[in-house]
């Protein structure tokens, strides 16, 4: 029986879901309307569950207004790939689709999935059909459901990594919506008469908001486990997984001027045997389904449910529903949340090359043909491609004899060796922002590389080329590139103006703090240069940049540290 929600004033999104017939709405009819490049208003919300956001080209906004034209509506399509795995055949198919229907680029996201941008309405259905034809999907990559499940990208790093990677895929498949609407709308499947849809977990109005799950293997936290609604930290004993620490309530999005919204790190609440992971995850999701805020979407993530009712309440509710108690958390340690570049030999005696992809944008431009290079590699590659949580790419399962061919293709196409880049650049992330995201106040992906060019001059001058200082930029406080976990975080406030945040930990277990507001580029450089110089001269051995600015009291530690329930 579905729980009736206590809120009297449900948000408009809740009413849309309620009457959508399990996410169908009028999407079919909207797609056929040739009088506009947009979908009907309700369908704009519903199409997210199918893996797409309606956007428009903001670079052309003023010009089209002057000509009394509607915005140039276009769609982002996101591809689901648990742990970020694709085959060479799938890579080539996505590459082709980006040219045929998109803007000629691929975006590797901070959640280990692919995004197409610039797809017009008439190309939406062919794109989603083609994605499915190569055994990938766009289902539930957006919307109020469990999103793409993140984990370490390389299962051949150890037997532990292989097991956790397999579990991520199992979780991803288990929590997919059961509605047949996706197959009817996009894949031309007929609804079987007399068999109504039923969502045993999500029910007919799904979750109050998006839900994110990740799995991490200490000592590396490259997927930023504490930024997720639900995280599982692998606990290893004698080269075997004993189980997982459970952390709940992470989420980094906020709204300027609204103090009831905030970035929050997940709390570690207990330990579960590995065979109970899906049971725990399903129960956590069900609690959020039943108690999450359905009146105000800005306050609807699991972090708000926990803060409103209390962590102790949440754990008691979880234990009661499970019918057994979580054990106390086991000890663990994270040391970094960055990627390790270059070649790594796996336990299967094959090689894995982690390639730096600046802000995840796979493109061709003069002197740098990354998209072409990866296409050439895909034609000869007998292994796979793996996306990391830091918007980078692993060329995986390479035979010893094929390593040089891959290196030669990258070099021929102007793809720089990672060893020639500073640690700052290799530790950078940026969201898409302008000119496609309708929420962005400022540039991010298109601007951060040039800002790093200027910061690199300061970095090299002070002998810090090898230091991995995390720098992250977002065009708004929704935090898609996890700027709140950057040792240097920049959040757009207006065109050319950013808030500067400092002091996150290097391993992802402490948020940064606001340092200065509304800074121009000249202001950012002027503020950061003396801090970088001081860091070069006064840091302790192995001290990270984030810890240095806290020790020097340049900013205060975030008020609410990561909590561990004893």
Protein backbone atom coordinates (compact mmCIF):
# COMPACT_ATOMS: atom_id res chain seq x y z
CA UNK A 1 0.00 0.00 0.00
CA UNK A 2 1.34 3.41 -0.91
CA UNK A 3 1.98 5.85 1.92
CA UNK A 4 -0.05 9.07 1.84
CA UNK A 5 2.20 12.08 2.20
CA UNK A 6 1.69 14.47 5.07
CA UNK A 7 2.33 17.64 3.07
CA UNK A 8 -0.83 19.55 2.22
CA UNK A 9 0.76 21.65 -0.52
CA UNK A 10 2.43 19.33 -2.97
CA UNK A 11 4.77 20.89 -5.52
CA UNK A 12 3.72 21.16 -9.15
CA UNK A 13 6.17 18.37 -10.02
CA UNK A 14 4.28 16.02 -7.72
CA UNK A 15 0.99 16.75 -9.51
CA UNK A 16 2.68 16.20 -12.87
CA UNK A 17 4.02 12.81 -11.77
CA UNK A 18 0.66 11.86 -10.25
CA UNK A 19 -1.25 12.31 -13.51
CA UNK A 20 1.55 11.15 -15.83
CA UNK A 21 0.48 7.49 -16.12
CA UNK A 22 3.88 6.27 -14.96
CA UNK A 23 5.93 8.89 -16.81
CA UNK A 24 4.09 8.84 -20.13
CA UNK A 25 2.41 12.22 -20.01
CA UNK A 26 1.94 13.50 -23.54
CA UNK A 27 5.54 13.03 -24.61
CA UNK A 28 4.54 11.15 -27.78
CA UNK A 29 2.29 14.00 -28.85
CA UNK A 30 4.86 16.67 -27.92
CA UNK A 31 7.48 15.02 -30.10
CA UNK A 32 5.13 15.18 -33.08
CA UNK A 33 4.32 18.88 -32.69
CA UNK A 34 6.32 20.61 -35.44
CA UNK A 35 5.15 24.12 -34.59
CA UNK A 36 7.73 24.47 -31.81
CA UNK A 37 11.13 23.10 -30.96
CA UNK A 38 10.01 22.59 -27.36
CA UNK A 39 7.94 19.99 -25.55
CA UNK A 40 4.74 20.74 -23.66
CA UNK A 41 5.36 22.17 -20.20
CA UNK A 42 4.58 19.01 -18.21
CA UNK A 43 6.53 16.84 -20.62
CA UNK A 44 9.63 18.96 -20.06
CA UNK A 45 9.56 17.62 -16.48
CA UNK A 46 8.72 14.04 -17.41
CA UNK A 47 11.34 13.65 -20.11
CA UNK A 48 14.04 13.86 -17.43
CA UNK A 49 13.13 10.35 -16.29
CA UNK A 50 13.77 9.18 -19.84
CA UNK A 51 17.27 10.68 -19.76
CA UNK A 52 16.95 14.14 -21.27
CA UNK A 53 16.75 17.81 -20.28
CA UNK A 54 15.19 20.44 -22.52
CA UNK A 55 17.58 23.37 -22.87
CA UNK A 56 18.18 26.19 -25.32
CA UNK A 57 21.18 27.85 -26.92
CA UNK A 58 21.83 30.78 -24.59
CA UNK A 59 24.52 32.18 -26.87
CA UNK A 60 21.80 32.97 -29.42
CA UNK A 61 19.18 34.13 -26.94
CA UNK A 62 19.42 37.90 -27.57
CA UNK A 63 19.67 37.55 -31.34
CA UNK A 64 16.58 35.33 -31.53
CA UNK A 65 14.60 37.65 -29.27
CA UNK A 66 15.37 40.57 -31.56
CA UNK A 67 14.07 38.55 -34.49
CA UNK A 68 10.98 37.59 -32.48
CA UNK A 69 11.88 33.90 -32.68
CA UNK A 70 11.42 31.39 -29.89
CA UNK A 71 14.62 30.24 -28.20
CA UNK A 72 16.63 27.65 -30.12
CA UNK A 73 15.37 24.74 -28.06
CA UNK A 74 17.62 21.73 -27.89
CA UNK A 75 18.07 18.71 -25.69
CA UNK A 76 20.76 17.18 -23.55
CA UNK A 77 20.69 13.38 -23.54
CA UNK A 78 22.49 11.44 -20.82
CA UNK A 79 23.59 7.82 -21.23
CA UNK A 80 23.53 5.41 -18.30
CA UNK A 81 26.67 3.32 -17.73
CA UNK A 82 27.14 1.95 -14.20
CA UNK A 83 30.77 2.50 -13.28
CA UNK A 84 31.28 4.20 -16.66
CA UNK A 85 31.97 1.11 -18.83
CA UNK A 86 31.56 1.02 -22.62
CA UNK A 87 32.89 -1.20 -25.38
CA UNK A 88 34.74 0.16 -28.45
CA UNK A 89 31.62 -0.56 -30.53
CA UNK A 90 29.49 1.47 -28.13
CA UNK A 91 32.05 4.29 -28.08
CA UNK A 92 31.97 4.51 -31.88
CA UNK A 93 28.17 4.57 -31.87
CA UNK A 94 28.09 7.42 -29.35
CA UNK A 95 30.78 9.27 -31.29
CA UNK A 96 28.71 9.00 -34.47
CA UNK A 97 25.53 10.15 -32.74
CA UNK A 98 27.26 13.24 -31.38
CA UNK A 99 28.04 14.28 -34.95
CA UNK A 100 24.77 13.21 -36.52
CA UNK A 101 22.37 14.74 -33.96
CA UNK A 102 24.43 16.64 -31.37
CA UNK A 103 26.97 19.44 -31.39
CA UNK A 104 29.88 17.23 -32.44
CA UNK A 105 31.24 16.65 -28.93
CA UNK A 106 30.80 14.18 -26.08
CA UNK A 107 30.74 15.22 -22.43
CA UNK A 108 32.11 12.79 -19.84
CA UNK A 109 30.22 13.67 -16.68
CA UNK A 110 31.20 13.78 -13.02
CA UNK A 111 28.89 10.78 -12.46
CA UNK A 112 30.62 8.48 -14.97
CA UNK A 113 28.05 8.88 -17.72
CA UNK A 114 27.97 10.41 -21.21
CA UNK A 115 26.09 13.49 -22.30
CA UNK A 116 25.12 14.69 -25.76
CA UNK A 117 24.34 18.38 -26.19
CA UNK A 118 22.61 20.35 -28.91
CA UNK A 119 20.12 17.69 -30.04
CA UNK A 120 17.05 19.14 -31.74
CA UNK A 121 13.61 17.72 -31.02
CA UNK A 122 13.45 15.82 -34.28
CA UNK A 123 16.71 14.05 -33.38
CA UNK A 124 15.68 13.05 -29.87
CA UNK A 125 13.97 9.77 -30.64
CA UNK A 126 16.56 8.57 -33.20
CA UNK A 127 19.32 9.31 -30.68
CA UNK A 128 17.71 7.38 -27.84
CA UNK A 129 16.86 4.50 -30.16
CA UNK A 130 20.45 4.30 -31.39
CA UNK A 131 21.79 4.34 -27.83
CA UNK A 132 19.60 1.35 -27.00
CA UNK A 133 20.61 -0.48 -30.17
CA UNK A 134 24.15 -0.77 -28.78
CA UNK A 135 22.84 -2.09 -25.44
CA UNK A 136 23.10 1.16 -23.51
CA UNK A 137 20.21 3.20 -22.13
CA UNK A 138 19.20 6.69 -21.11
CA UNK A 139 16.50 5.52 -18.67
CA UNK A 140 16.69 7.06 -15.17
CA UNK A 141 19.82 9.10 -15.82
CA UNK A 142 17.75 12.11 -14.73
CA UNK A 143 14.55 12.56 -12.74
CA UNK A 144 13.35 11.68 -9.23
CA UNK A 145 14.83 8.20 -9.18
CA UNK A 146 18.13 6.54 -8.43
CA UNK A 147 20.69 7.91 -10.90
CA UNK A 148 23.83 6.33 -12.41
CA UNK A 149 25.66 4.31 -9.73
CA UNK A 150 29.28 5.35 -9.29
CA UNK A 151 32.27 3.24 -8.30
CA UNK A 152 35.97 2.81 -9.01
CA UNK A 153 36.46 2.69 -12.76
CA UNK A 154 38.93 -0.18 -12.98
CA UNK A 155 37.70 -3.57 -11.69
CA UNK A 156 41.05 -5.14 -12.59
CA UNK A 157 42.97 -3.03 -10.09
CA UNK A 158 42.40 -5.82 -7.54
CA UNK A 159 39.95 -8.61 -6.77
CA UNK A 160 38.28 -6.20 -4.34
CA UNK A 161 37.76 -3.65 -7.12
CA UNK A 162 36.29 -6.33 -9.38
CA UNK A 163 33.75 -7.37 -6.76
CA UNK A 164 32.69 -3.80 -5.96
CA UNK A 165 32.38 -2.97 -9.65
CA UNK A 166 30.06 -5.94 -10.14
CA UNK A 167 27.96 -4.84 -7.17
CA UNK A 168 27.59 -1.33 -8.64
CA UNK A 169 26.09 -2.80 -11.78
CA UNK A 170 23.75 -5.00 -9.75
CA UNK A 171 22.53 -2.00 -7.73
CA UNK A 172 22.07 0.07 -10.88
CA UNK A 173 19.89 -2.54 -12.56
CA UNK A 174 17.90 -3.32 -9.41
CA UNK A 175 16.72 0.26 -8.92
CA UNK A 176 15.70 1.01 -12.50
CA UNK A 177 12.08 2.14 -12.84
CA UNK A 178 9.74 -0.67 -13.88
CA UNK A 179 7.42 1.46 -16.04
CA UNK A 180 7.12 0.35 -19.66
CA UNK A 181 6.64 3.96 -20.80
CA UNK A 182 10.28 4.29 -21.88
CA UNK A 183 10.06 1.34 -24.25
CA UNK A 184 6.73 2.46 -25.66
CA UNK A 185 7.77 6.06 -26.36
CA UNK A 186 11.29 5.55 -27.64
CA UNK A 187 11.55 1.93 -28.79
CA UNK A 188 8.11 1.51 -30.37
CA UNK A 189 7.02 -1.28 -28.04
CA UNK A 190 3.29 -1.88 -27.64
CA UNK A 191 1.76 -1.78 -24.16
CA UNK A 192 0.34 -5.17 -23.31
CA UNK A 193 -3.40 -4.86 -22.72
CA UNK A 194 -4.57 -5.69 -19.21
CA UNK A 195 -1.14 -5.37 -17.60
CA UNK A 196 -1.02 -2.01 -15.80
CA UNK A 197 2.32 -0.57 -14.74
CA UNK A 198 3.38 -0.95 -11.13
CA UNK A 199 6.38 0.53 -9.34
CA UNK A 200 6.96 -1.65 -6.25
CA UNK A 201 9.59 0.72 -4.81
CA UNK A 202 9.01 4.12 -6.38
CA UNK A 203 5.19 3.95 -6.44
CA UNK A 204 3.35 6.11 -8.94
CA UNK A 205 4.88 9.46 -7.89
CA UNK A 206 8.46 8.20 -7.59
CA UNK A 207 10.88 9.92 -5.17
CA UNK A 208 10.66 13.52 -3.91
CA UNK A 209 13.90 14.31 -5.75
CA UNK A 210 16.90 12.69 -7.41
CA UNK A 211 18.81 10.01 -5.51
CA UNK A 212 22.50 9.20 -5.89
CA UNK A 213 24.41 6.08 -4.84
CA UNK A 214 28.16 5.46 -4.94
CA UNK A 215 30.64 2.82 -3.79
CA UNK A 216 34.21 3.63 -2.76
CA UNK A 217 37.27 1.53 -2.00
CA UNK A 218 39.71 3.11 0.48
CA UNK A 219 42.23 4.64 0.35
CA UNK A 220 40.98 6.28 -2.90
CA UNK A 221 37.84 8.42 -2.92
CA UNK A 222 37.82 9.42 -6.57
CA UNK A 223 34.02 9.29 -6.72
CA UNK A 224 33.53 11.65 -3.73
CA UNK A 225 31.51 9.18 -1.69
CA UNK A 226 30.28 11.77 0.85
CA UNK A 227 28.58 13.88 -1.84
CA UNK A 228 25.98 11.15 -2.41
CA UNK A 229 22.60 10.47 -0.82
CA UNK A 230 23.82 6.96 -0.06
CA UNK A 231 27.37 5.69 -0.04
CA UNK A 232 28.98 2.32 0.62
CA UNK A 233 32.62 2.26 1.75
CA UNK A 234 34.24 -1.13 1.16
CA UNK A 235 35.86 -2.66 4.23
CA UNK A 236 38.60 -5.13 3.42
CA UNK A 237 40.20 -7.80 5.59
CA UNK A 238 42.80 -10.26 4.29
CA UNK A 239 42.14 -9.22 0.68
CA UNK A 240 38.43 -9.94 0.97
CA UNK A 241 35.44 -7.65 1.38
CA UNK A 242 33.91 -8.09 4.82
CA UNK A 243 31.18 -5.58 4.14
CA UNK A 244 30.54 -1.87 3.78
CA UNK A 245 30.30 1.19 5.97
CA UNK A 246 27.08 3.04 5.14
CA UNK A 247 26.95 6.82 4.79
CA UNK A 248 23.76 8.79 4.18
CA UNK A 249 22.63 12.34 3.52
CA UNK A 250 25.19 13.80 1.14
CA UNK A 251 24.27 16.43 -1.43
CA UNK A 252 26.04 19.60 -2.54
CA UNK A 253 23.38 21.70 -4.24
CA UNK A 254 22.16 24.96 -2.73
CA UNK A 255 20.48 28.23 -3.70
CA UNK A 256 22.05 31.69 -3.32
CA UNK A 257 20.25 33.71 -0.65
CA UNK A 258 18.36 30.73 0.78
CA UNK A 259 19.99 29.54 4.00
CA UNK A 260 17.67 26.55 4.26
CA UNK A 261 19.61 25.08 1.35
CA UNK A 262 23.23 24.05 1.78
CA UNK A 263 25.91 21.58 0.75
CA UNK A 264 26.09 18.64 3.13
CA UNK A 265 28.40 15.64 3.46
CA UNK A 266 27.01 12.21 4.22
CA UNK A 267 27.21 10.80 7.75
CA UNK A 268 28.68 7.36 8.41
CA UNK A 269 25.93 5.50 10.29
CA UNK A 270 27.01 1.87 10.48
CA UNK A 271 28.30 -1.27 8.83
CA UNK A 272 26.52 -3.94 6.82
CA UNK A 273 27.64 -7.34 5.52
CA UNK A 274 28.10 -7.28 1.76
CA UNK A 275 25.13 -9.59 1.11
CA UNK A 276 22.80 -7.02 2.73
CA UNK A 277 23.81 -4.01 0.62
CA UNK A 278 20.82 -3.99 -1.73
CA UNK A 279 18.42 -4.56 1.17
CA UNK A 280 19.91 -1.56 2.99
CA UNK A 281 19.82 0.59 -0.15
CA UNK A 282 16.20 -0.29 -0.89
CA UNK A 283 15.17 0.52 2.68
CA UNK A 284 16.97 3.88 2.67
CA UNK A 285 15.28 4.79 -0.62
CA UNK A 286 11.88 3.75 0.78
CA UNK A 287 12.33 5.99 3.85
CA UNK A 288 13.15 8.92 1.60
CA UNK A 289 10.15 8.09 -0.60
CA UNK A 290 7.84 8.13 2.41
CA UNK A 291 9.25 11.08 4.39
CA UNK A 292 11.02 13.32 1.88
CA UNK A 293 9.67 16.85 1.34
CA UNK A 294 7.24 16.89 -1.58
CA UNK A 295 6.19 20.51 -1.10
CA UNK A 296 9.45 22.36 -1.79
CA UNK A 297 11.90 20.73 -4.19
CA UNK A 298 14.73 22.87 -2.87
CA UNK A 299 14.34 21.01 0.45
CA UNK A 300 13.57 17.58 -0.90
CA UNK A 301 16.86 15.66 -0.88
CA UNK A 302 17.63 12.99 1.71
CA UNK A 303 19.97 15.42 3.49
CA UNK A 304 16.97 17.61 4.35
CA UNK A 305 14.90 14.64 5.52
CA UNK A 306 17.72 13.65 7.89
CA UNK A 307 18.35 17.16 9.17
CA UNK A 308 14.64 17.85 9.66
CA UNK A 309 14.00 14.67 11.65
CA UNK A 310 17.43 13.96 13.10
CA UNK A 311 20.11 11.40 12.33
CA UNK A 312 19.14 9.27 15.33
CA UNK A 313 15.53 9.13 14.05
CA UNK A 314 16.74 8.07 10.62
CA UNK A 315 18.95 5.25 11.93
CA UNK A 316 16.17 3.99 14.21
CA UNK A 317 13.72 4.03 11.30
CA UNK A 318 16.21 2.19 9.12
CA UNK A 319 16.91 -0.47 11.76
CA UNK A 320 13.19 -0.93 12.43
CA UNK A 321 12.35 -1.42 8.78
CA UNK A 322 15.29 -3.75 8.26
CA UNK A 323 14.37 -5.84 11.26
CA UNK A 324 18.03 -5.98 12.29
CA UNK A 325 20.56 -3.43 13.54
CA UNK A 326 23.47 -2.01 11.64
CA UNK A 327 26.82 -2.83 13.24
CA UNK A 328 29.22 -0.09 14.28
CA UNK A 329 31.29 1.42 11.45
CA UNK A 330 34.67 -0.17 10.76
CA UNK A 331 37.85 1.88 10.49
CA UNK A 332 38.98 3.15 7.08
CA UNK A 333 41.11 5.93 5.59
CA UNK A 334 40.85 7.98 2.42
CA UNK A 335 43.94 9.81 1.16
CA UNK A 336 42.87 11.39 -2.13
CA UNK A 337 39.87 12.06 -4.39
CA UNK A 338 41.85 12.47 -7.62
CA UNK A 339 42.72 10.15 -10.52
CA UNK A 340 46.12 8.56 -11.09
CA UNK A 341 47.21 9.11 -14.68
CA UNK A 342 49.16 6.95 -17.07
CA UNK A 343 49.55 3.19 -17.40
CA UNK A 344 48.54 0.71 -14.68
CA UNK A 345 48.88 -3.04 -15.03
CA UNK A 346 45.79 -4.94 -13.89
CA UNK A 347 45.50 -8.25 -12.09
CA UNK A 348 44.56 -9.78 -15.47
CA UNK A 349 48.02 -8.76 -16.84
CA UNK A 350 46.46 -6.23 -19.19
CA UNK A 351 47.10 -2.48 -19.15
CA UNK A 352 44.90 0.49 -18.30
CA UNK A 353 45.71 4.04 -19.39
CA UNK A 354 44.08 6.90 -17.50
CA UNK A 355 43.85 9.87 -19.85
CA UNK A 356 43.26 13.45 -18.73
CA UNK A 357 40.20 14.89 -20.50
CA UNK A 358 39.88 18.54 -19.60
CA UNK A 359 36.49 18.95 -17.92
CA UNK A 360 35.28 15.82 -19.69
CA UNK A 361 34.81 17.44 -23.09
CA UNK A 362 35.73 15.09 -25.95
CA UNK A 363 36.14 17.33 -28.98
CA UNK A 364 38.31 18.25 -31.94
CA UNK A 365 39.93 21.63 -32.31
CA UNK A 366 43.04 22.96 -34.02
CA UNK A 367 46.10 21.12 -32.72
CA UNK A 368 44.03 18.92 -30.40
CA UNK A 369 41.87 16.19 -31.94
CA UNK A 370 40.92 14.11 -28.92
CA UNK A 371 37.62 12.95 -30.42
CA UNK A 372 39.34 11.79 -33.58
CA UNK A 373 42.08 10.07 -31.59
CA UNK A 374 39.64 8.10 -29.44
CA UNK A 375 37.65 7.11 -32.52
CA UNK A 376 40.84 5.80 -34.15
CA UNK A 377 41.69 3.90 -30.99
CA UNK A 378 38.17 2.43 -30.79
CA UNK A 379 38.55 0.95 -34.29
CA UNK A 380 41.61 -1.08 -33.28
CA UNK A 381 41.00 -1.48 -29.55
CA UNK A 382 40.07 -4.94 -28.25
CA UNK A 383 39.46 -3.81 -24.67
CA UNK A 384 37.08 -1.18 -23.31
CA UNK A 385 36.65 2.45 -22.25
CA UNK A 386 35.92 3.49 -18.64
CA UNK A 387 34.80 6.89 -17.37
CA UNK A 388 36.10 8.17 -14.04
CA UNK A 389 34.25 10.29 -11.51
CA UNK A 390 36.63 13.15 -12.30
CA UNK A 391 35.54 13.47 -15.95
CA UNK A 392 38.51 11.52 -17.25
CA UNK A 393 38.83 8.36 -19.35
CA UNK A 394 40.53 5.01 -18.88
CA UNK A 395 41.47 3.08 -22.03
CA UNK A 396 41.18 -0.38 -20.52
CA UNK A 397 42.28 -3.98 -21.05
CA UNK A 398 45.11 -3.15 -23.44
CA UNK A 399 47.59 -5.84 -24.48
CA UNK A 400 51.27 -5.07 -23.99
CA UNK A 401 51.84 -5.12 -27.77
CA UNK A 402 49.12 -2.50 -28.34
CA UNK A 403 50.32 0.13 -25.86
CA UNK A 404 52.61 1.91 -28.31
CA UNK A 405 49.89 2.09 -30.98
CA UNK A 406 47.60 3.88 -28.54
CA UNK A 407 50.35 6.26 -27.43
CA UNK A 408 51.19 7.03 -31.08
CA UNK A 409 47.56 7.79 -31.98
CA UNK A 410 47.21 10.17 -29.03
CA UNK A 411 50.48 11.93 -29.86
CA UNK A 412 49.63 12.23 -33.56
CA UNK A 413 46.38 13.98 -32.68
CA UNK A 414 47.96 16.48 -30.30
CA UNK A 415 46.73 14.86 -27.08
CA UNK A 416 49.26 15.98 -24.48
CA UNK A 417 51.09 13.59 -22.22
CA UNK A 418 49.71 14.09 -18.70
CA UNK A 419 53.24 14.44 -17.34
CA UNK A 420 53.52 17.84 -19.06
CA UNK A 421 50.48 19.23 -17.23
CA UNK A 422 50.48 20.76 -13.77
CA UNK A 423 48.87 18.97 -10.86
CA UNK A 424 46.42 21.87 -10.64
CA UNK A 425 45.14 21.32 -14.16
CA UNK A 426 44.97 17.55 -13.76
CA UNK A 427 42.94 18.06 -10.58
CA UNK A 428 40.40 20.41 -12.16
CA UNK A 429 36.70 19.88 -12.85
CA UNK A 430 34.03 22.07 -14.39
CA UNK A 431 30.33 21.75 -15.18
CA UNK A 432 28.84 22.56 -18.60
CA UNK A 433 27.25 25.91 -17.57
CA UNK A 434 26.90 28.45 -20.41
CA UNK A 435 25.88 28.32 -23.16
CA UNK A 436 23.43 25.39 -22.74
CA UNK A 437 22.51 25.07 -19.06
CA UNK A 438 19.54 27.25 -18.18
CA UNK A 439 20.55 27.42 -14.51
CA UNK A 440 24.05 28.83 -15.00
CA UNK A 441 24.87 32.40 -13.97
CA UNK A 442 28.40 32.32 -15.41
CA UNK A 443 30.81 30.36 -17.57
CA UNK A 444 32.54 27.27 -16.22
CA UNK A 445 33.78 24.60 -18.65
CA UNK A 446 34.53 27.12 -21.41
CA UNK A 447 36.36 29.47 -19.03
CA UNK A 448 38.27 27.44 -16.44
CA UNK A 449 41.04 26.27 -18.83
CA UNK A 450 42.09 29.86 -19.54
CA UNK A 451 41.98 30.75 -15.84
CA UNK A 452 44.21 27.76 -15.11
CA UNK A 453 46.61 29.00 -17.82
CA UNK A 454 47.10 32.12 -15.69
CA UNK A 455 47.22 30.23 -12.41
CA UNK A 456 49.76 27.81 -13.87
CA UNK A 457 52.20 30.71 -14.30
CA UNK A 458 52.01 31.30 -10.53
CA UNK A 459 52.13 27.56 -9.80
CA UNK A 460 55.27 26.97 -11.93
CA UNK A 461 56.96 30.10 -10.60
CA UNK A 462 56.64 28.67 -7.09
CA UNK A 463 57.70 25.12 -7.89
CA UNK A 464 54.29 23.56 -7.34
CA UNK A 465 53.88 21.87 -10.72
CA UNK A 466 53.58 18.41 -9.19
CA UNK A 467 51.20 19.35 -6.39
CA UNK A 468 47.68 18.06 -6.90
CA UNK A 469 45.57 21.01 -5.78
CA UNK A 470 41.89 20.35 -6.47
CA UNK A 471 40.24 23.24 -8.28
CA UNK A 472 36.60 23.03 -9.29
CA UNK A 473 34.27 25.50 -10.96
CA UNK A 474 30.51 25.55 -11.42
CA UNK A 475 28.30 28.10 -13.14
CA UNK A 476 25.80 28.05 -10.27
CA UNK A 477 25.53 26.60 -6.75
CA UNK A 478 23.86 23.38 -7.93
CA UNK A 479 27.37 21.95 -7.76
CA UNK A 480 27.39 19.57 -10.73
CA UNK A 481 31.21 19.58 -10.70
CA UNK A 482 31.26 19.27 -6.89
CA UNK A 483 32.84 22.70 -6.39
CA UNK A 484 32.09 22.52 -2.64
CA UNK A 485 34.73 19.78 -2.41
CA UNK A 486 37.41 21.76 -4.23
CA UNK A 487 40.43 22.93 -2.27
CA UNK A 488 39.85 25.91 -4.54
CA UNK A 489 36.17 26.23 -5.40
CA UNK A 490 34.68 28.80 -7.75
CA UNK A 491 30.93 29.28 -8.12
CA UNK A 492 29.44 31.62 -10.72
CA UNK A 493 27.35 34.57 -9.52
CA UNK A 494 27.11 36.62 -12.73
CA UNK A 495 28.90 36.83 -16.07
CA UNK A 496 32.58 37.14 -15.19
CA UNK A 497 31.98 37.08 -11.40
CA UNK A 498 32.57 34.20 -8.99
CA UNK A 499 32.48 33.37 -5.31
CA UNK A 500 35.78 31.92 -4.13
CA UNK A 501 35.77 29.06 -1.61
CA UNK A 502 38.81 27.52 0.06
CA UNK A 503 39.73 24.79 2.50
CA UNK A 504 38.15 21.52 1.40
CA UNK A 505 40.15 18.43 2.29
CA UNK A 506 42.19 16.65 -0.36
CA UNK A 507 40.36 13.38 0.28
CA UNK A 508 36.77 14.60 0.02
CA UNK A 509 35.71 14.49 3.68
CA UNK A 510 35.51 18.24 4.39
CA UNK A 511 33.64 21.00 2.57
CA UNK A 512 35.28 24.29 1.67
CA UNK A 513 34.28 27.69 3.13
CA UNK A 514 33.42 31.00 1.50
CA UNK A 515 36.47 33.27 1.24
CA UNK A 516 35.44 36.17 -1.02
CA UNK A 517 32.37 37.04 -3.11
CA UNK A 518 31.75 38.45 -6.58
CA UNK A 519 35.35 38.30 -7.78
CA UNK A 520 36.48 39.13 -11.31
CA UNK A 521 39.32 37.19 -12.91
CA UNK A 522 41.81 39.86 -11.83
CA UNK A 523 40.44 39.60 -8.28
CA UNK A 524 40.71 35.81 -8.26
CA UNK A 525 44.35 35.92 -9.34
CA UNK A 526 45.15 38.69 -6.87
CA UNK A 527 43.57 36.77 -3.99
CA UNK A 528 45.08 33.39 -4.82
CA UNK A 529 48.65 34.39 -5.68
CA UNK A 530 49.80 35.33 -2.15
CA UNK A 531 48.13 32.21 -0.73
CA UNK A 532 49.87 30.01 -3.30
CA UNK A 533 53.20 31.71 -2.58
CA UNK A 534 52.72 31.17 1.15
CA UNK A 535 51.80 27.54 0.56
CA UNK A 536 54.98 26.99 -1.45
CA UNK A 537 57.13 28.52 1.29
CA UNK A 538 55.41 27.54 4.53
CA UNK A 539 53.62 24.22 4.04
CA UNK A 540 54.43 21.23 6.18
CA UNK A 541 55.70 18.02 4.66
CA UNK A 542 52.91 16.39 2.59
CA UNK A 543 50.44 19.09 3.69
CA UNK A 544 47.62 19.58 1.22
CA UNK A 545 46.57 23.02 0.03
CA UNK A 546 43.18 22.67 1.71
CA UNK A 547 44.71 21.76 5.06
CA UNK A 548 47.23 24.58 4.75
CA UNK A 549 44.62 27.32 4.38
CA UNK A 550 42.78 25.93 7.40
CA UNK A 551 45.95 25.75 9.53
CA UNK A 552 46.87 29.32 8.55
CA UNK A 553 43.31 30.43 9.39
CA UNK A 554 42.82 31.91 5.92
CA UNK A 555 39.34 30.41 6.19
CA UNK A 556 37.66 28.59 9.04
CA UNK A 557 36.86 24.92 8.90
CA UNK A 558 33.33 24.25 7.77
CA UNK A 559 31.06 24.42 10.81
CA UNK A 560 29.56 20.98 10.33
CA UNK A 561 32.25 18.31 9.90
CA UNK A 562 31.62 14.80 8.66
CA UNK A 563 29.89 12.82 11.40
CA UNK A 564 30.45 9.17 12.27
CA UNK A 565 27.76 7.50 14.35
CA UNK A 566 29.38 5.31 17.00
